[in-house]
All heavy atoms as atom14 arrays in JSON, in Angstrom:
{
  "sequence": "LNCKDASYIKYLNPVWNHSFAWHKFEECNDYP",
  "atom14_mask": [
    [1, 1, 1, 1, 1, 1, 1, 1, 0, 0, 0, 0, 0, 0],
    [1, 1, 1, 1, 1, 1, 1, 1, 0, 0, 0, 0, 0, 0],
    [1, 1, 1, 1, 1, 1, 0, 0, 0, 0, 0, 0, 0, 0],
    [1, 1, 1, 1, 1, 1, 1, 1, 1, 0, 0, 0, 0, 0],
    [1, 1, 1, 1, 1, 1, 1, 1, 0, 0, 0, 0, 0, 0],
    [1, 1, 1, 1, 1, 0, 0, 0, 0, 0, 0, 0, 0, 0],
    [1, 1, 1, 1, 1, 1, 0, 0, 0, 0, 0, 0, 0, 0],
    [1, 1, 1, 1, 1, 1, 1, 1, 1, 1, 1, 1, 0, 0],
    [1, 1, 1, 1, 1, 1, 1, 1, 0, 0, 0, 0, 0, 0],
    [1, 1, 1, 1, 1, 1, 1, 1, 1, 0, 0, 0, 0, 0],
    [1, 1, 1, 1, 1, 1, 1, 1, 1, 1, 1, 1, 0, 0],
    [1, 1, 1, 1, 1, 1, 1, 1, 0, 0, 0, 0, 0, 0],
    [1, 1, 1, 1, 1, 1, 1, 1, 0, 0, 0, 0, 0, 0],
    [1, 1, 1, 1, 1, 1, 1, 0, 0, 0, 0, 0, 0, 0],
    [1, 1, 1, 1, 1, 1, 1, 0, 0, 0, 0, 0, 0, 0],
    [1, 1, 1, 1, 1, 1, 1, 1, 1, 1, 1, 1, 1, 1],
    [1, 1, 1, 1, 1, 1, 1, 1, 0, 0, 0, 0, 0, 0],
    [1, 1, 1, 1, 1, 1, 1, 1, 1, 1, 0, 0, 0, 0],
    [1, 1, 1, 1, 1, 1, 0, 0, 0, 0, 0, 0, 0, 0],
    [1, 1, 1, 1, 1, 1, 1, 1, 1, 1, 1, 0, 0, 0],
    [1, 1, 1, 1, 1, 0, 0, 0, 0, 0, 0, 0, 0, 0],
    [1, 1, 1, 1, 1, 1, 1, 1, 1, 1, 1, 1, 1, 1],
    [1, 1, 1, 1, 1, 1, 1, 1, 1, 1, 0, 0, 0, 0],
    [1, 1, 1, 1, 1, 1, 1, 1, 1, 0, 0, 0, 0, 0],
    [1, 1, 1, 1, 1, 1, 1, 1, 1, 1, 1, 0, 0, 0],
    [1, 1, 1, 1, 1, 1, 1, 1, 1, 0, 0, 0, 0, 0],
    [1, 1, 1, 1, 1, 1, 1, 1, 1, 0, 0, 0, 0, 0],
    [1, 1, 1, 1, 1, 1, 0, 0, 0, 0, 0, 0, 0, 0],
    [1, 1, 1, 1, 1, 1, 1, 1, 0, 0, 0, 0, 0, 0],
    [1, 1, 1, 1, 1, 1, 1, 1, 0, 0, 0, 0, 0, 0],
    [1, 1, 1, 1, 1, 1, 1, 1, 1, 1, 1, 1, 0, 0],
    [1, 1, 1, 1, 1, 1, 1, 0, 0, 0, 0, 0, 0, 0]
  ],
  "atom14_positions": [
    [[8.71, -0.29, -20.85], [8.45, 0.39, -19.55], [7.42, -0.34, -18.71], [7.09, 0.07, -17.65], [8.01, 1.83, -19.79], [9.05, 2.78, -20.4], [8.44, 4.14, -20.6], [10.28, 2.85, -19.55], [0.0, 0.0, 0.0], [0.0, 0.0, 0.0], [0.0, 0.0, 0.0], [0.0, 0.0, 0.0], [0.0, 0.0, 0.0], [0.0, 0.0, 0.0]],
    [[6.88, -1.44, -19.28], [5.94, -2.26, -18.58], [4.73, -1.49, -18.13], [4.27, -1.56, -17.0], [6.58, -3.0, -17.37], [5.73, -4.12, -16.92], [4.93, -4.69, -17.66], [5.89, -4.44, -15.64], [0.0, 0.0, 0.0], [0.0, 0.0, 0.0], [0.0, 0.0, 0.0], [0.0, 0.0, 0.0], [0.0, 0.0, 0.0], [0.0, 0.0, 0.0]],
    [[4.19, -0.68, -19.04], [2.99, 0.15, -18.68], [1.94, 0.1, -19.75], [1.16, 1.04, -19.89], [3.42, 1.58, -18.34], [4.13, 2.51, -19.67], [0.0, 0.0, 0.0], [0.0, 0.0, 0.0], [0.0, 0.0, 0.0], [0.0, 0.0, 0.0], [0.0, 0.0, 0.0], [0.0, 0.0, 0.0], [0.0, 0.0, 0.0], [0.0, 0.0, 0.0]],
    [[1.87, -1.02, -20.47], [0.79, -1.18, -21.44], [-0.52, -1.31, -20.67], [-0.54, -2.06, -19.66], [1.07, -2.4, -22.3], [0.24, -2.35, -23.6], [0.82, -3.35, -24.58], [0.37, -2.89, -25.93], [1.22, -3.31, -26.98], [0.0, 0.0, 0.0], [0.0, 0.0, 0.0], [0.0, 0.0, 0.0], [0.0, 0.0, 0.0], [0.0, 0.0, 0.0]],
    [[-1.57, -0.69, -21.07], [-2.85, -0.67, -20.38], [-2.79, -0.13, -18.97], [-3.56, -0.54, -18.08], [-3.45, -2.11, -20.36], [-3.68, -2.63, -21.76], [-4.1, -1.84, -22.63], [-3.42, -3.85, -21.96], [0.0, 0.0, 0.0], [0.0, 0.0, 0.0], [0.0, 0.0, 0.0], [0.0, 0.0, 0.0], [0.0, 0.0, 0.0], [0.0, 0.0, 0.0]],
    [[-1.79, 0.69, -18.7], [-1.6, 1.28, -17.37], [-0.87, 2.59, -17.54], [-0.53, 3.05, -18.58], [-0.83, 0.33, -16.49], [0.0, 0.0, 0.0], [0.0, 0.0, 0.0], [0.0, 0.0, 0.0], [0.0, 0.0, 0.0], [0.0, 0.0, 0.0], [0.0, 0.0, 0.0], [0.0, 0.0, 0.0], [0.0, 0.0, 0.0], [0.0, 0.0, 0.0]],
    [[-0.66, 3.21, -16.39], [0.12, 4.47, -16.35], [1.22, 4.29, -15.34], [1.13, 3.43, -14.47], [-0.78, 5.62, -15.92], [-1.81, 5.79, -16.83], [0.0, 0.0, 0.0], [0.0, 0.0, 0.0], [0.0, 0.0, 0.0], [0.0, 0.0, 0.0], [0.0, 0.0, 0.0], [0.0, 0.0, 0.0], [0.0, 0.0, 0.0], [0.0, 0.0, 0.0]],
    [[2.21, 5.15, -15.48], [3.31, 5.15, -14.49], [3.35, 6.5, -13.89], [3.54, 7.51, -14.57], [4.65, 4.78, -15.17], [5.8, 4.96, -14.18], [6.04, 4.0, -13.19], [6.61, 6.08, -14.2], [7.05, 4.18, -12.29], [7.63, 6.28, -13.33], [7.84, 5.3, -12.33], [8.85, 5.48, -11.42], [0.0, 0.0, 0.0], [0.0, 0.0, 0.0]],
    [[3.13, 6.56, -12.6], [3.31, 7.79, -11.82], [4.15, 7.37, -10.64], [3.82, 6.4, -9.91], [1.97, 8.36, -11.36], [1.09, 8.77, -12.56], [2.2, 9.57, -10.44], [-0.26, 9.22, -12.26], [0.0, 0.0, 0.0], [0.0, 0.0, 0.0], [0.0, 0.0, 0.0], [0.0, 0.0, 0.0], [0.0, 0.0, 0.0], [0.0, 0.0, 0.0]],
    [[5.29, 8.04, -10.48], [6.22, 7.61, -9.47], [5.58, 7.63, -8.04], [5.75, 6.72, -7.29], [7.46, 8.55, -9.45], [8.57, 8.09, -8.64], [9.84, 8.9, -8.88], [10.99, 8.41, -8.09], [12.2, 9.1, -8.39], [0.0, 0.0, 0.0], [0.0, 0.0, 0.0], [0.0, 0.0, 0.0], [0.0, 0.0, 0.0], [0.0, 0.0, 0.0]],
    [[4.89, 8.73, -7.72], [4.2, 8.82, -6.42], [3.25, 9.99, -6.48], [3.38, 10.86, -7.3], [5.23, 8.98, -5.25], [6.11, 10.18, -5.4], [5.7, 11.42, -4.95], [7.38, 10.1, -5.95], [6.51, 12.52, -5.03], [8.19, 11.15, -6.07], [7.8, 12.37, -5.61], [8.56, 13.5, -5.76], [0.0, 0.0, 0.0], [0.0, 0.0, 0.0]],
    [[2.31, 9.97, -5.54], [1.36, 11.07, -5.41], [1.5, 11.63, -4.01], [1.59, 10.82, -3.02], [-0.08, 10.6, -5.64], [-0.45, 10.19, -7.05], [-1.84, 9.6, -7.08], [-0.35, 11.36, -7.99], [0.0, 0.0, 0.0], [0.0, 0.0, 0.0], [0.0, 0.0, 0.0], [0.0, 0.0, 0.0], [0.0, 0.0, 0.0], [0.0, 0.0, 0.0]],
    [[1.51, 12.92, -3.87], [1.52, 13.56, -2.54], [0.26, 14.41, -2.37], [-0.08, 15.11, -3.3], [2.72, 14.51, -2.4], [4.01, 13.79, -2.19], [4.08, 12.72, -1.58], [5.07, 14.36, -2.73], [0.0, 0.0, 0.0], [0.0, 0.0, 0.0], [0.0, 0.0, 0.0], [0.0, 0.0, 0.0], [0.0, 0.0, 0.0], [0.0, 0.0, 0.0]],
    [[-0.4, 14.27, -1.2], [-1.52, 15.14, -0.98], [-1.08, 16.62, -0.97], [0.03, 16.93, -0.49], [-2.01, 14.81, 0.39], [-1.41, 13.41, 0.7], [-0.13, 13.35, -0.11], [0.0, 0.0, 0.0], [0.0, 0.0, 0.0], [0.0, 0.0, 0.0], [0.0, 0.0, 0.0], [0.0, 0.0, 0.0], [0.0, 0.0, 0.0], [0.0, 0.0, 0.0]],
    [[-1.82, 17.47, -1.64], [-1.37, 18.83, -1.82], [-1.19, 19.55, -0.54], [-0.37, 20.38, -0.37], [-2.38, 19.58, -2.71], [-3.71, 19.86, -2.02], [-1.79, 20.86, -3.23], [0.0, 0.0, 0.0], [0.0, 0.0, 0.0], [0.0, 0.0, 0.0], [0.0, 0.0, 0.0], [0.0, 0.0, 0.0], [0.0, 0.0, 0.0], [0.0, 0.0, 0.0]],
    [[-1.91, 19.16, 0.55], [-1.76, 19.82, 1.82], [-0.53, 19.38, 2.57], [-0.17, 20.04, 3.55], [-3.03, 19.64, 2.7], [-3.46, 18.2, 2.8], [-3.0, 17.26, 3.73], [-4.38, 17.53, 1.98], [-3.62, 16.06, 3.48], [-4.44, 16.21, 2.44], [-5.15, 17.91, 0.89], [-5.26, 15.23, 1.82], [-5.94, 16.95, 0.27], [-5.99, 15.66, 0.79]],
    [[0.08, 18.25, 2.2], [1.28, 17.77, 2.91], [2.57, 18.03, 2.12], [3.66, 17.91, 2.69], [1.27, 16.23, 3.1], [0.26, 15.8, 4.08], [-0.54, 16.59, 4.63], [0.2, 14.52, 4.33], [0.0, 0.0, 0.0], [0.0, 0.0, 0.0], [0.0, 0.0, 0.0], [0.0, 0.0, 0.0], [0.0, 0.0, 0.0], [0.0, 0.0, 0.0]],
    [[2.43, 18.37, 0.93], [3.63, 18.4, 0.04], [4.51, 19.54, 0.32], [4.09, 20.6, 0.77], [3.11, 18.47, -1.4], [4.14, 18.08, -2.41], [5.06, 18.98, -2.92], [4.43, 16.92, -3.01], [5.89, 18.36, -3.75], [5.47, 17.12, -3.83], [0.0, 0.0, 0.0], [0.0, 0.0, 0.0], [0.0, 0.0, 0.0], [0.0, 0.0, 0.0]],
    [[5.85, 19.33, 0.17], [6.82, 20.38, 0.35], [6.61, 21.51, -0.63], [7.02, 22.6, -0.44], [8.21, 19.79, 0.25], [8.39, 19.31, -1.09], [0.0, 0.0, 0.0], [0.0, 0.0, 0.0], [0.0, 0.0, 0.0], [0.0, 0.0, 0.0], [0.0, 0.0, 0.0], [0.0, 0.0, 0.0], [0.0, 0.0, 0.0], [0.0, 0.0, 0.0]],
    [[5.91, 21.18, -1.74], [5.54, 22.19, -2.71], [4.28, 22.83, -2.24], [3.18, 22.33, -2.48], [5.4, 21.55, -4.11], [4.99, 22.51, -5.14], [5.81, 23.51, -5.57], [3.72, 22.42, -5.74], [5.46, 24.39, -6.51], [3.34, 23.31, -6.72], [4.21, 24.29, -7.11], [0.0, 0.0, 0.0], [0.0, 0.0, 0.0], [0.0, 0.0, 0.0]],
    [[4.38, 23.88, -1.43], [3.21, 24.49, -0.75], [2.22, 25.12, -1.71], [2.55, 25.52, -2.83], [3.77, 25.47, 0.23], [0.0, 0.0, 0.0], [0.0, 0.0, 0.0], [0.0, 0.0, 0.0], [0.0, 0.0, 0.0], [0.0, 0.0, 0.0], [0.0, 0.0, 0.0], [0.0, 0.0, 0.0], [0.0, 0.0, 0.0], [0.0, 0.0, 0.0]],
    [[0.99, 25.19, -1.23], [-0.07, 25.76, -2.05], [0.22, 27.2, -2.48], [-0.17, 27.63, -3.53], [-1.39, 25.7, -1.25], [-2.58, 26.07, -2.12], [-3.23, 27.22, -2.09], [-3.16, 25.29, -3.15], [-4.24, 27.24, -3.04], [-4.18, 26.07, -3.71], [-2.91, 24.01, -3.65], [-4.99, 25.58, -4.73], [-3.68, 23.56, -4.69], [-4.68, 24.33, -5.21]],
    [[0.91, 27.95, -1.65], [1.22, 29.33, -2.01], [2.05, 29.41, -3.28], [2.02, 30.45, -3.91], [1.9, 30.08, -0.85], [3.36, 29.63, -0.68], [3.68, 28.53, 0.1], [4.53, 30.13, -1.11], [4.98, 28.41, 0.07], [5.52, 29.31, -0.66], [0.0, 0.0, 0.0], [0.0, 0.0, 0.0], [0.0, 0.0, 0.0], [0.0, 0.0, 0.0]],
    [[2.72, 28.39, -3.68], [3.5, 28.43, -4.9], [2.55, 28.53, -6.11], [2.9, 29.14, -7.12], [4.33, 27.13, -5.05], [5.49, 27.07, -4.13], [6.52, 28.08, -4.5], [7.75, 27.98, -3.64], [8.7, 29.08, -3.89], [0.0, 0.0, 0.0], [0.0, 0.0, 0.0], [0.0, 0.0, 0.0], [0.0, 0.0, 0.0], [0.0, 0.0, 0.0]],
    [[1.36, 27.95, -6.01], [0.43, 28.11, -7.11], [0.01, 29.52, -7.31], [-0.15, 30.01, -8.43], [-0.86, 27.23, -6.86], [-0.63, 25.79, -6.96], [-0.9, 24.92, -5.9], [-0.18, 25.23, -8.17], [-0.67, 23.54, -6.02], [0.04, 23.86, -8.29], [-0.22, 23.04, -7.21], [0.0, 0.0, 0.0], [0.0, 0.0, 0.0], [0.0, 0.0, 0.0]],
    [[-0.15, 30.24, -6.21], [-0.52, 31.66, -6.27], [0.6, 32.48, -7.0], [0.33, 33.42, -7.71], [-0.78, 32.23, -4.93], [-2.12, 31.77, -4.34], [-3.29, 32.14, -5.22], [-3.38, 33.24, -5.74], [-4.14, 31.25, -5.33], [0.0, 0.0, 0.0], [0.0, 0.0, 0.0], [0.0, 0.0, 0.0], [0.0, 0.0, 0.0], [0.0, 0.0, 0.0]],
    [[1.84, 32.05, -6.78], [2.94, 32.76, -7.45], [2.82, 32.66, -8.97], [3.21, 33.54, -9.68], [4.28, 32.19, -7.06], [4.66, 32.51, -5.6], [5.99, 31.79, -5.18], [6.72, 31.29, -6.09], [6.28, 31.84, -3.99], [0.0, 0.0, 0.0], [0.0, 0.0, 0.0], [0.0, 0.0, 0.0], [0.0, 0.0, 0.0], [0.0, 0.0, 0.0]],
    [[2.29, 31.57, -9.46], [2.12, 31.37, -10.87], [1.18, 32.45, -11.45], [1.43, 32.9, -12.57], [1.51, 30.0, -11.23], [2.49, 28.62, -10.7], [0.0, 0.0, 0.0], [0.0, 0.0, 0.0], [0.0, 0.0, 0.0], [0.0, 0.0, 0.0], [0.0, 0.0, 0.0], [0.0, 0.0, 0.0], [0.0, 0.0, 0.0], [0.0, 0.0, 0.0]],
    [[0.19, 32.86, -10.66], [-0.72, 33.85, -11.21], [-0.08, 35.24, -11.28], [-0.55, 36.1, -12.04], [-1.94, 33.97, -10.29], [-2.85, 32.73, -10.4], [-2.88, 32.12, -11.45], [-3.53, 32.42, -9.36], [0.0, 0.0, 0.0], [0.0, 0.0, 0.0], [0.0, 0.0, 0.0], [0.0, 0.0, 0.0], [0.0, 0.0, 0.0], [0.0, 0.0, 0.0]],
    [[0.98, 35.44, -10.57], [1.72, 36.74, -10.63], [2.93, 36.71, -11.5], [3.62, 37.68, -11.64], [2.16, 37.14, -9.2], [0.99, 37.31, -8.24], [-0.09, 37.8, -8.75], [1.13, 37.05, -7.05], [0.0, 0.0, 0.0], [0.0, 0.0, 0.0], [0.0, 0.0, 0.0], [0.0, 0.0, 0.0], [0.0, 0.0, 0.0], [0.0, 0.0, 0.0]],
    [[3.18, 35.6, -12.18], [4.32, 35.44, -13.02], [4.23, 36.41, -14.23], [3.14, 36.56, -14.74], [4.47, 34.0, -13.52], [5.86, 33.6, -13.9], [6.79, 33.35, -12.87], [6.28, 33.54, -15.18], [8.08, 32.99, -13.18], [7.57, 33.18, -15.48], [8.48, 32.91, -14.5], [9.77, 32.58, -14.82], [0.0, 0.0, 0.0], [0.0, 0.0, 0.0]],
    [[5.28, 37.05, -14.62], [5.2, 37.99, -15.74], [4.55, 37.33, -16.98], [4.83, 36.21, -17.34], [6.68, 38.32, -16.05], [7.4, 37.99, -14.82], [6.66, 36.86, -14.18], [0.0, 0.0, 0.0], [0.0, 0.0, 0.0], [0.0, 0.0, 0.0], [0.0, 0.0, 0.0], [0.0, 0.0, 0.0], [0.0, 0.0, 0.0], [0.0, 0.0, 0.0]]
  ]
}
């Protein structure tokens, strides 16, 4: 995977721009 002595992360998105909105985190707290 050519990641010796490194990591592979496909991409990073700032939390405030991401399509995965911050309110989704709050939903986790209400999950059964």
